[in-house]
Each structure stands twice: as C-alpha cells, then as structure tokens.
C-alpha cells in the first residue's frame, strides 16, 4: 500500500512538473520590448499611433519623449533606446561624427516642410526685384532655404549638392533678392515685415501657417531633410525594428499625418 501511495505521489509530482514546464514556455514567449526615443510632435504621436499594431506582432513599444535634439541620440549611444525618430540624415551623420559613434537610417517617415511664406505675393513670379527675404541663420536651415531657391532658379549656388551652403556661395541672384538673417524661431512672428520669409515646419504649425494657403515655395518629400527612423549601425535589419518601420510607413500613419498636419508636415514614404 505504501508503495502504491509513493508511486501515486511521484506521478502527481511529474504531472505538475510538466504543467510548470508548460507555464515556463508561455513566460518565455512574452512580448519583446522595443524602446524608441522621440520628440513629442509629430514623432511621439506617430509612435503612440502604432503601439497596438506592434502588439499584434508581440512587440511592446515604449516611447521615451525628449524635448531636445541631443538626448534621443544619446539614448541610442548608451543603448537605453533601440531606435529614435526625430532627425534627418545630415543631422544624424554630423552628430555621430562629433560624438564618436555611428547611426544609420532605417527608413523615411515624415518631412516637417521648410517653406517660403508671404502675405504680399501669391507666387514666386510676383516677387519684386530687390525683395527682402527673411532667412534662418543656422547652417542647416540656411542651406535648406538656399537649395530651394536654387532649385526654382531664383539664385545659383556654387555647388548645389553641398549641404552646408552659405550666402557667400550664391554666384547669381536673378532678382537681386536681399537676405536678412534671423534665428529660426524669430522669423514667424515678424514674417509680414518682409516680402517673404522662410519658416520651418514646427514654427509654421505654432503660427497657424500652411504652405498651401500662405506659402509660395515649399520642400517636397525628395528633400534630404526628411526625418527618418534611426538606429545604431548594424541594427537596422533586426526583425522588431523592421516591423516598427512597416507600421510607421502604413496607410494609417500616412492618413494621420495628412489629416492632422495639412501640408506643414508631410509623409515621406
């Protein structure tokens, strides 16, 4: 009898052990974590938008929101984030070079458009000779503005493939435009003082400006200043990062950008 009881206990223990093994298997199959560093608008909003989609792929998406353009890259460098969304490739390359590490673009997501705004004229053709143009004085946005003018034939640059052009690189100025430099955040509040003014996407949004309604020239999605999903070099082909890219380049995200930001920020895919 004791032998039967002993064997029964062994059998029950074995069954329970198998059951526990099964439970461990479920635990091991928990959702994978993916941490993305982003600025609040629009990047943070877009990441939040695709959270449920990623959950279907057993990926738990965590967003780290930063209000500057340094910490999202630092989060990649110290590996507290797997990817980030906030920057264009020229900025990414420059930041990596200065800080001793390499990042790479996973894919294009959106473009906060640089546009030339005016309340005096409705087209480039209407700009008078000697028109006063307000232009950002920081190297990146100054170059963006000059490349746009070069592309439309209003000026000619010494080398329009460079991403660090200056006013001194203008070799021809067809309408003798007069450029006045300001910090980018100072232009929107006073753009009516000029014949036209270059304003970047975030400041245009804050000022209620829209390229279609108030702009006479605007960047398009082939711009080198498109914001990309980025990660550390060598990680772009990881499955969870590719799944995030697919979700961010979906019709759902495209429609959201088009409806919410109405041409100030445009989808780039």
C-alpha atoms as a PDB file:
ATOM      1  CA  UNK A   1       0.000   0.000   0.000  1.00  0.00           C
ATOM      2  CA  UNK A   2       2.797   2.376   0.937  1.00  0.00           C
ATOM      3  CA  UNK A   3       4.456   1.569  -2.381  1.00  0.00           C
ATOM      4  CA  UNK A   4       1.254   2.442  -4.285  1.00  0.00           C
ATOM      5  CA  UNK A   5       0.906   5.739  -2.397  1.00  0.00           C
ATOM      6  CA  UNK A   6       4.570   6.546  -3.078  1.00  0.00           C
ATOM      7  CA  UNK A   7       4.165   5.849  -6.815  1.00  0.00           C
ATOM      8  CA  UNK A   8       0.983   7.954  -6.905  1.00  0.00           C
ATOM      9  CA  UNK A   9       2.819  10.906  -5.318  1.00  0.00           C
ATOM     10  CA  UNK A  10       5.645  10.543  -7.852  1.00  0.00           C
ATOM     11  CA  UNK A  11       3.103  10.509 -10.703  1.00  0.00           C
ATOM     12  CA  UNK A  12       1.304  13.616  -9.428  1.00  0.00           C
ATOM     13  CA  UNK A  13       4.626  15.436  -8.979  1.00  0.00           C
ATOM     14  CA  UNK A  14       5.657  14.502 -12.530  1.00  0.00           C
ATOM     15  CA  UNK A  15       2.360  15.796 -13.979  1.00  0.00           C
ATOM     16  CA  UNK A  16       2.670  19.066 -12.034  1.00  0.00           C
ATOM     17  CA  UNK A  17       6.268  19.461 -13.176  1.00  0.00           C
ATOM     18  CA  UNK A  18       5.201  19.051 -16.786  1.00  0.00           C
ATOM     19  CA  UNK A  19       2.485  21.616 -16.220  1.00  0.00           C
ATOM     20  CA  UNK A  20       5.020  24.043 -14.755  1.00  0.00           C
ATOM     21  CA  UNK A  21       7.290  23.454 -17.717  1.00  0.00           C
ATOM     22  CA  UNK A  22       4.434  24.439 -19.986  1.00  0.00           C
ATOM     23  CA  UNK A  23       3.871  27.619 -17.975  1.00  0.00           C
ATOM     24  CA  UNK A  24       7.562  28.479 -18.294  1.00  0.00           C
ATOM     25  CA  UNK A  25       7.278  28.131 -22.024  1.00  0.00           C
ATOM     26  CA  UNK A  26       4.473  30.715 -22.048  1.00  0.00           C
ATOM     27  CA  UNK A  27       6.575  33.027 -19.876  1.00  0.00           C
ATOM     28  CA  UNK A  28       9.492  32.652 -22.275  1.00  0.00           C
ATOM     29  CA  UNK A  29       7.168  33.628 -25.134  1.00  0.00           C
ATOM     30  CA  UNK A  30       6.316  37.044 -23.634  1.00  0.00           C
ATOM     31  CA  UNK A  31       6.169  40.102 -25.871  1.00  0.00           C
ATOM     32  CA  UNK A  32       9.503  41.553 -26.936  1.00  0.00           C
ATOM     33  CA  UNK A  33      10.290  45.084 -25.749  1.00  0.00           C
ATOM     34  CA  UNK A  34      11.187  47.864 -28.199  1.00  0.00           C
ATOM     35  CA  UNK A  35      12.221  51.273 -26.839  1.00  0.00           C
ATOM     36  CA  UNK A  36      12.041  54.306 -29.130  1.00  0.00           C
ATOM     37  CA  UNK A  37      13.303  57.802 -28.262  1.00  0.00           C
ATOM     38  CA  UNK A  38      11.364  60.646 -29.875  1.00  0.00           C
ATOM     39  CA  UNK A  39      10.454  64.312 -29.733  1.00  0.00           C
ATOM     40  CA  UNK A  40       6.787  64.999 -28.859  1.00  0.00           C
ATOM     41  CA  UNK A  41       5.356  66.232 -32.190  1.00  0.00           C
ATOM     42  CA  UNK A  42       4.873  64.550 -34.544  1.00  0.00           C
ATOM     43  CA  UNK A  43       7.286  61.687 -33.756  1.00  0.00           C
ATOM     44  CA  UNK A  44       5.913  60.791 -30.318  1.00  0.00           C
ATOM     45  CA  UNK A  45       2.354  60.897 -31.619  1.00  0.00           C
ATOM     46  CA  UNK A  46       3.189  58.589 -34.526  1.00  0.00           C
ATOM     47  CA  UNK A  47       4.892  56.062 -32.245  1.00  0.00           C
ATOM     48  CA  UNK A  48       1.831  56.034 -29.967  1.00  0.00           C
ATOM     49  CA  UNK A  49      -0.361  55.533 -33.026  1.00  0.00           C
ATOM     50  CA  UNK A  50       1.317  52.240 -33.976  1.00  0.00           C
ATOM     51  CA  UNK A  51       1.577  50.708 -30.486  1.00  0.00           C
ATOM     52  CA  UNK A  52      -1.421  48.413 -30.937  1.00  0.00           C
ATOM     53  CA  UNK A  53      -0.209  47.289 -34.351  1.00  0.00           C
ATOM     54  CA  UNK A  54       3.127  46.235 -32.869  1.00  0.00           C
ATOM     55  CA  UNK A  55       1.366  44.435 -30.039  1.00  0.00           C
ATOM     56  CA  UNK A  56      -0.175  42.113 -32.639  1.00  0.00           C
ATOM     57  CA  UNK A  57       3.403  41.192 -33.560  1.00  0.00           C
ATOM     58  CA  UNK A  58       4.171  40.518 -29.876  1.00  0.00           C
ATOM     59  CA  UNK A  59       6.209  43.706 -29.506  1.00  0.00           C
ATOM     60  CA  UNK A  60       5.670  46.066 -26.561  1.00  0.00           C
ATOM     61  CA  UNK A  61       6.564  49.554 -27.726  1.00  0.00           C
ATOM     62  CA  UNK A  62       7.891  52.002 -25.136  1.00  0.00           C
ATOM     63  CA  UNK A  63       8.344  55.674 -26.012  1.00  0.00           C
ATOM     64  CA  UNK A  64      10.938  57.937 -24.378  1.00  0.00           C
ATOM     65  CA  UNK A  65       9.930  61.553 -25.033  1.00  0.00           C
ATOM     66  CA  UNK A  66      12.610  64.260 -25.122  1.00  0.00           C
ATOM     67  CA  UNK A  67      12.243  67.989 -25.753  1.00  0.00           C
ATOM     68  CA  UNK A  68      15.664  68.470 -27.313  1.00  0.00           C
ATOM     69  CA  UNK A  69      17.645  67.105 -30.268  1.00  0.00           C
ATOM     70  CA  UNK A  70      20.531  65.676 -28.242  1.00  0.00           C
ATOM     71  CA  UNK A  71      19.075  63.171 -25.775  1.00  0.00           C
ATOM     72  CA  UNK A  72      17.320  60.939 -28.371  1.00  0.00           C
ATOM     73  CA  UNK A  73      20.722  60.202 -29.919  1.00  0.00           C
ATOM     74  CA  UNK A  74      22.399  59.839 -26.537  1.00  0.00           C
ATOM     75  CA  UNK A  75      19.746  57.218 -25.738  1.00  0.00           C
ATOM     76  CA  UNK A  76      20.888  55.251 -28.791  1.00  0.00           C
ATOM     77  CA  UNK A  77      24.526  55.664 -27.841  1.00  0.00           C
ATOM     78  CA  UNK A  78      24.047  54.358 -24.283  1.00  0.00           C
ATOM     79  CA  UNK A  79      21.630  51.683 -25.573  1.00  0.00           C
ATOM     80  CA  UNK A  80      18.706  52.791 -23.412  1.00  0.00           C
ATOM     81  CA  UNK A  81      16.759  53.031 -26.702  1.00  0.00           C
ATOM     82  CA  UNK A  82      16.681  50.685 -29.689  1.00  0.00           C
ATOM     83  CA  UNK A  83      15.722  53.354 -32.225  1.00  0.00           C
ATOM     84  CA  UNK A  84      14.743  57.006 -32.443  1.00  0.00           C
ATOM     85  CA  UNK A  85      12.551  59.237 -34.556  1.00  0.00           C
ATOM     86  CA  UNK A  86      13.148  62.995 -34.791  1.00  0.00           C
ATOM     87  CA  UNK A  87      16.080  63.758 -37.120  1.00  0.00           C
ATOM     88  CA  UNK A  88      17.176  63.925 -40.741  1.00  0.00           C
ATOM     89  CA  UNK A  89      20.231  62.155 -42.150  1.00  0.00           C
ATOM     90  CA  UNK A  90      22.552  65.232 -42.347  1.00  0.00           C
ATOM     91  CA  UNK A  91      21.982  65.932 -38.643  1.00  0.00           C
ATOM     92  CA  UNK A  92      22.348  62.243 -37.749  1.00  0.00           C
ATOM     93  CA  UNK A  93      25.663  61.914 -39.609  1.00  0.00           C
ATOM     94  CA  UNK A  94      27.064  65.111 -38.128  1.00  0.00           C
ATOM     95  CA  UNK A  95      26.023  64.163 -34.581  1.00  0.00           C
ATOM     96  CA  UNK A  96      27.553  60.698 -34.888  1.00  0.00           C
ATOM     97  CA  UNK A  97      30.843  62.071 -36.210  1.00  0.00           C
ATOM     98  CA  UNK A  98      31.099  64.626 -33.396  1.00  0.00           C
ATOM     99  CA  UNK A  99      30.212  62.108 -30.683  1.00  0.00           C
ATOM    100  CA  UNK A 100      32.202  59.097 -31.855  1.00  0.00           C
ATOM    101  CA  UNK A 101      29.560  56.557 -32.824  1.00  0.00           C
ATOM    102  CA  UNK A 102      27.667  55.504 -35.943  1.00  0.00           C
ATOM    103  CA  UNK A 103      23.943  55.507 -36.619  1.00  0.00           C
ATOM    104  CA  UNK A 104      22.021  54.556 -39.730  1.00  0.00           C
ATOM    105  CA  UNK A 105      18.640  55.377 -41.219  1.00  0.00           C
ATOM    106  CA  UNK A 106      16.106  52.552 -41.180  1.00  0.00           C
ATOM    107  CA  UNK A 107      13.597  54.361 -43.382  1.00  0.00           C
ATOM    108  CA  UNK A 108      11.959  57.699 -44.247  1.00  0.00           C
ATOM    109  CA  UNK A 109       8.892  58.716 -42.238  1.00  0.00           C
ATOM    110  CA  UNK A 110       7.920  62.409 -42.498  1.00  0.00           C
ATOM    111  CA  UNK A 111       9.110  65.848 -43.584  1.00  0.00           C
ATOM    112  CA  UNK A 112       8.486  68.995 -41.498  1.00  0.00           C
ATOM    113  CA  UNK A 113       8.498  71.270 -44.537  1.00  0.00           C
ATOM    114  CA  UNK A 114      10.614  74.359 -44.916  1.00  0.00           C
ATOM    115  CA  UNK A 115       8.512  76.845 -46.900  1.00  0.00           C
ATOM    116  CA  UNK A 116       8.707  80.416 -48.147  1.00  0.00           C
ATOM    117  CA  UNK A 117       5.710  82.325 -46.761  1.00  0.00           C
ATOM    118  CA  UNK A 118       4.341  85.684 -47.838  1.00  0.00           C
ATOM    119  CA  UNK A 119       1.277  87.838 -47.223  1.00  0.00           C
ATOM    120  CA  UNK A 120       2.288  90.215 -50.020  1.00  0.00           C
ATOM    121  CA  UNK A 121       2.546  87.967 -53.078  1.00  0.00           C
ATOM    122  CA  UNK A 122       0.854  84.775 -54.238  1.00  0.00           C
ATOM    123  CA  UNK A 123       3.680  83.331 -56.344  1.00  0.00           C
ATOM    124  CA  UNK A 124       7.446  83.456 -56.876  1.00  0.00           C
ATOM    125  CA  UNK A 125       6.891  85.298 -60.156  1.00  0.00           C
ATOM    126  CA  UNK A 126       5.278  88.184 -58.252  1.00  0.00           C
ATOM    127  CA  UNK A 127       8.350  88.773 -56.086  1.00  0.00           C
ATOM    128  CA  UNK A 128       9.737  92.204 -56.936  1.00  0.00           C
ATOM    129  CA  UNK A 129      13.372  92.838 -57.800  1.00  0.00           C
ATOM    130  CA  UNK A 130      15.250  93.558 -54.588  1.00  0.00           C
ATOM    131  CA  UNK A 131      12.602  91.811 -52.470  1.00  0.00           C
ATOM    132  CA  UNK A 132      13.503  91.392 -48.798  1.00  0.00           C
ATOM    133  CA  UNK A 133      13.680  87.744 -47.754  1.00  0.00           C
ATOM    134  CA  UNK A 134      13.972  86.686 -44.115  1.00  0.00           C
ATOM    135  CA  UNK A 135      16.099  83.548 -43.853  1.00  0.00           C
ATOM    136  CA  UNK A 136      17.201  81.368 -40.876  1.00  0.00           C
ATOM    137  CA  UNK A 137      20.794  81.889 -39.758  1.00  0.00           C
ATOM    138  CA  UNK A 138      21.559  78.362 -38.513  1.00  0.00           C
ATOM    139  CA  UNK A 139      23.645  76.315 -41.002  1.00  0.00           C
ATOM    140  CA  UNK A 140      21.084  73.560 -41.656  1.00  0.00           C
ATOM    141  CA  UNK A 141      18.050  75.756 -42.284  1.00  0.00           C
ATOM    142  CA  UNK A 142      20.050  78.368 -44.183  1.00  0.00           C
ATOM    143  CA  UNK A 143      21.186  75.627 -46.568  1.00  0.00           C
ATOM    144  CA  UNK A 144      17.631  74.288 -46.912  1.00  0.00           C
ATOM    145  CA  UNK A 145      16.365  77.715 -47.920  1.00  0.00           C
ATOM    146  CA  UNK A 146      19.184  78.329 -50.402  1.00  0.00           C
ATOM    147  CA  UNK A 147      18.709  74.909 -52.020  1.00  0.00           C
ATOM    148  CA  UNK A 148      15.016  75.658 -52.527  1.00  0.00           C
ATOM    149  CA  UNK A 149      15.767  78.987 -54.202  1.00  0.00           C
ATOM    150  CA  UNK A 150      18.451  77.370 -56.363  1.00  0.00           C
ATOM    151  CA  UNK A 151      16.056  74.588 -57.394  1.00  0.00           C
ATOM    152  CA  UNK A 152      13.472  77.160 -58.527  1.00  0.00           C
ATOM    153  CA  UNK A 153      16.040  79.234 -60.419  1.00  0.00           C
ATOM    154  CA  UNK A 154      15.905  82.376 -58.267  1.00  0.00           C
ATOM    155  CA  UNK A 155      19.566  82.050 -57.330  1.00  0.00           C
ATOM    156  CA  UNK A 156      22.511  79.945 -58.427  1.00  0.00           C
ATOM    157  CA  UNK A 157      24.795  78.284 -55.889  1.00  0.00           C
ATOM    158  CA  UNK A 158      28.457  77.466 -56.394  1.00  0.00           C
ATOM    159  CA  UNK A 159      27.637  73.813 -55.612  1.00  0.00           C
ATOM    160  CA  UNK A 160      24.025  72.792 -55.079  1.00  0.00           C
ATOM    161  CA  UNK A 161      24.969  69.298 -53.907  1.00  0.00           C
ATOM    162  CA  UNK A 162      26.579  70.633 -50.721  1.00  0.00           C
ATOM    163  CA  UNK A 163      24.547  70.526 -47.522  1.00  0.00           C
ATOM    164  CA  UNK A 164      26.434  73.389 -45.899  1.00  0.00           C
ATOM    165  CA  UNK A 165      25.866  76.316 -48.264  1.00  0.00           C
ATOM    166  CA  UNK A 166      26.193  79.931 -47.136  1.00  0.00           C
ATOM    167  CA  UNK A 167      25.012  83.252 -48.559  1.00  0.00           C
ATOM    168  CA  UNK A 168      28.559  83.744 -49.852  1.00  0.00           C
ATOM    169  CA  UNK A 169      28.067  80.640 -52.055  1.00  0.00           C
ATOM    170  CA  UNK A 170      25.477  82.454 -54.197  1.00  0.00           C
ATOM    171  CA  UNK A 171      27.040  83.088 -57.618  1.00  0.00           C
ATOM    172  CA  UNK A 172      23.929  84.526 -59.285  1.00  0.00           C
ATOM    173  CA  UNK A 173      20.947  86.334 -57.778  1.00  0.00           C
ATOM    174  CA  UNK A 174      18.444  86.757 -60.609  1.00  0.00           C
ATOM    175  CA  UNK A 175      16.051  89.104 -58.770  1.00  0.00           C
ATOM    176  CA  UNK A 176      18.689  90.775 -56.588  1.00  0.00           C
ATOM    177  CA  UNK A 177      16.940  89.404 -53.521  1.00  0.00           C
ATOM    178  CA  UNK A 178      18.052  90.945 -50.218  1.00  0.00           C
ATOM    179  CA  UNK A 179      18.531  88.368 -47.478  1.00  0.00           C
ATOM    180  CA  UNK A 180      18.126  89.227 -43.799  1.00  0.00           C
ATOM    181  CA  UNK A 181      19.207  86.520 -41.349  1.00  0.00           C
ATOM    182  CA  UNK A 182      17.367  85.718 -38.123  1.00  0.00           C
ATOM    183  CA  UNK A 183      17.257  82.851 -35.628  1.00  0.00           C
ATOM    184  CA  UNK A 184      14.689  80.372 -36.962  1.00  0.00           C
ATOM    185  CA  UNK A 185      12.296  80.941 -34.051  1.00  0.00           C
ATOM    186  CA  UNK A 186      12.270  84.719 -34.610  1.00  0.00           C
ATOM    187  CA  UNK A 187      11.011  84.688 -38.188  1.00  0.00           C
ATOM    188  CA  UNK A 188       7.387  83.530 -37.914  1.00  0.00           C
ATOM    189  CA  UNK A 189       6.241  86.326 -35.538  1.00  0.00           C
ATOM    190  CA  UNK A 190       7.554  89.029 -37.902  1.00  0.00           C
ATOM    191  CA  UNK A 191       7.351  87.448 -41.370  1.00  0.00           C
ATOM    192  CA  UNK A 192       4.906  90.147 -42.536  1.00  0.00           C
ATOM    193  CA  UNK A 193       7.724  92.705 -42.287  1.00  0.00           C
ATOM    194  CA  UNK A 194       9.443  91.051 -45.270  1.00  0.00           C
ATOM    195  CA  UNK A 195       8.323  90.400 -48.830  1.00  0.00           C
ATOM    196  CA  UNK A 196       8.669  86.704 -47.984  1.00  0.00           C
ATOM    197  CA  UNK A 197      10.197  84.598 -45.219  1.00  0.00           C
ATOM    198  CA  UNK A 198      11.489  81.059 -44.813  1.00  0.00           C
ATOM    199  CA  UNK A 199       9.805  79.297 -41.890  1.00  0.00           C
ATOM    200  CA  UNK A 200      10.366  75.723 -40.744  1.00  0.00           C
ATOM    201  CA  UNK A 201       7.570  73.236 -40.042  1.00  0.00           C
ATOM    202  CA  UNK A 202       7.319  73.449 -36.244  1.00  0.00           C
ATOM    203  CA  UNK A 203       7.227  77.266 -36.203  1.00  0.00           C
ATOM    204  CA  UNK A 204       4.727  77.329 -39.066  1.00  0.00           C
ATOM    205  CA  UNK A 205       2.467  74.967 -37.090  1.00  0.00           C
ATOM    206  CA  UNK A 206       2.689  77.164 -33.992  1.00  0.00           C
ATOM    207  CA  UNK A 207       1.813  80.243 -36.085  1.00  0.00           C
ATOM    208  CA  UNK A 208      -1.110  78.668 -37.930  1.00  0.00           C
ATOM    209  CA  UNK A 209       0.649  78.914 -41.294  1.00  0.00           C
ATOM    210  CA  UNK A 210       0.208  76.394 -44.086  1.00  0.00           C
ATOM    211  CA  UNK A 211       2.272  76.050 -47.292  1.00  0.00           C
ATOM    212  CA  UNK A 212      -0.821  75.636 -49.466  1.00  0.00           C
ATOM    213  CA  UNK A 213      -2.596  78.685 -48.066  1.00  0.00           C
ATOM    214  CA  UNK A 214       0.280  81.037 -47.258  1.00  0.00           C
ATOM    215  CA  UNK A 215       3.324  79.581 -48.993  1.00  0.00           C
ATOM    216  CA  UNK A 216       4.823  80.405 -52.376  1.00  0.00           C
ATOM    217  CA  UNK A 217       7.543  77.729 -52.280  1.00  0.00           C
ATOM    218  CA  UNK A 218       7.831  74.533 -50.274  1.00  0.00           C
ATOM    219  CA  UNK A 219      10.040  71.470 -49.850  1.00  0.00           C
ATOM    220  CA  UNK A 220       8.826  68.160 -51.225  1.00  0.00           C
ATOM    221  CA  UNK A 221       9.330  64.622 -49.956  1.00  0.00           C
ATOM    222  CA  UNK A 222      12.504  64.137 -52.026  1.00  0.00           C
ATOM    223  CA  UNK A 223      14.222  66.617 -49.676  1.00  0.00           C
ATOM    224  CA  UNK A 224      17.413  65.361 -47.962  1.00  0.00           C
ATOM    225  CA  UNK A 225      15.905  66.753 -44.752  1.00  0.00           C
ATOM    226  CA  UNK A 226      13.228  64.070 -44.391  1.00  0.00           C
ATOM    227  CA  UNK A 227      13.035  62.749 -40.822  1.00  0.00           C
ATOM    228  CA  UNK A 228      13.975  59.097 -40.524  1.00  0.00           C
ATOM    229  CA  UNK A 229      13.622  56.200 -38.135  1.00  0.00           C
ATOM    230  CA  UNK A 230      17.227  55.700 -36.984  1.00  0.00           C
ATOM    231  CA  UNK A 231      19.185  53.121 -35.023  1.00  0.00           C
ATOM    232  CA  UNK A 232      22.779  52.176 -34.226  1.00  0.00           C
ATOM    233  CA  UNK A 233      24.781  50.983 -37.215  1.00  0.00           C
ATOM    234  CA  UNK A 234      24.299  47.255 -37.738  1.00  0.00           C
ATOM    235  CA  UNK A 235      20.833  47.058 -36.150  1.00  0.00           C
ATOM    236  CA  UNK A 236      18.517  48.254 -38.927  1.00  0.00           C
ATOM    237  CA  UNK A 237      17.654  44.732 -40.138  1.00  0.00           C
ATOM    238  CA  UNK A 238      16.593  43.439 -36.731  1.00  0.00           C
ATOM    239  CA  UNK A 239      13.095  41.997 -37.025  1.00  0.00           C
ATOM    240  CA  UNK A 240      11.472  44.193 -34.374  1.00  0.00           C
ATOM    241  CA  UNK A 241      12.932  47.370 -35.895  1.00  0.00           C
ATOM    242  CA  UNK A 242      11.774  46.372 -39.377  1.00  0.00           C
ATOM    243  CA  UNK A 243       8.286  45.702 -38.006  1.00  0.00           C
ATOM    244  CA  UNK A 244       8.251  49.180 -36.494  1.00  0.00           C
ATOM    245  CA  UNK A 245       9.283  50.655 -39.848  1.00  0.00           C
ATOM    246  CA  UNK A 246       6.485  48.781 -41.603  1.00  0.00           C
ATOM    247  CA  UNK A 247       3.937  50.103 -39.090  1.00  0.00           C
ATOM    248  CA  UNK A 248       5.215  53.683 -39.403  1.00  0.00           C
ATOM    249  CA  UNK A 249       5.053  53.516 -43.206  1.00  0.00           C
ATOM    250  CA  UNK A 250       1.454  52.271 -43.214  1.00  0.00           C
ATOM    251  CA  UNK A 251      -1.579  53.890 -44.838  1.00  0.00           C
ATOM    252  CA  UNK A 252      -2.944  54.551 -41.347  1.00  0.00           C
ATOM    253  CA  UNK A 253       0.063  56.714 -40.445  1.00  0.00           C
ATOM    254  CA  UNK A 254       0.081  58.426 -43.845  1.00  0.00           C
ATOM    255  CA  UNK A 255      -3.572  59.402 -43.479  1.00  0.00           C
ATOM    256  CA  UNK A 256      -2.999  60.619 -39.914  1.00  0.00           C
ATOM    257  CA  UNK A 257      -0.143  62.917 -40.989  1.00  0.00           C
ATOM    258  CA  UNK A 258      -2.079  64.289 -43.973  1.00  0.00           C
ATOM    259  CA  UNK A 259      -5.233  64.988 -41.962  1.00  0.00           C
ATOM    260  CA  UNK A 260      -3.624  66.383 -38.815  1.00  0.00           C
ATOM    261  CA  UNK A 261      -0.737  68.435 -40.187  1.00  0.00           C
ATOM    262  CA  UNK A 262      -2.240  69.535 -43.513  1.00  0.00           C
ATOM    263  CA  UNK A 263       0.911  70.029 -45.628  1.00  0.00           C
ATOM    264  CA  UNK A 264       3.057  71.581 -42.889  1.00  0.00           C
ATOM    265  CA  UNK A 265       4.341  68.088 -42.127  1.00  0.00           C
ATOM    266  CA  UNK A 266       4.027  65.575 -44.960  1.00  0.00           C
ATOM    267  CA  UNK A 267       4.505  61.794 -45.199  1.00  0.00           C
ATOM    268  CA  UNK A 268       7.798  60.886 -46.863  1.00  0.00           C
ATOM    269  CA  UNK A 269       7.053  57.318 -47.896  1.00  0.00           C
END
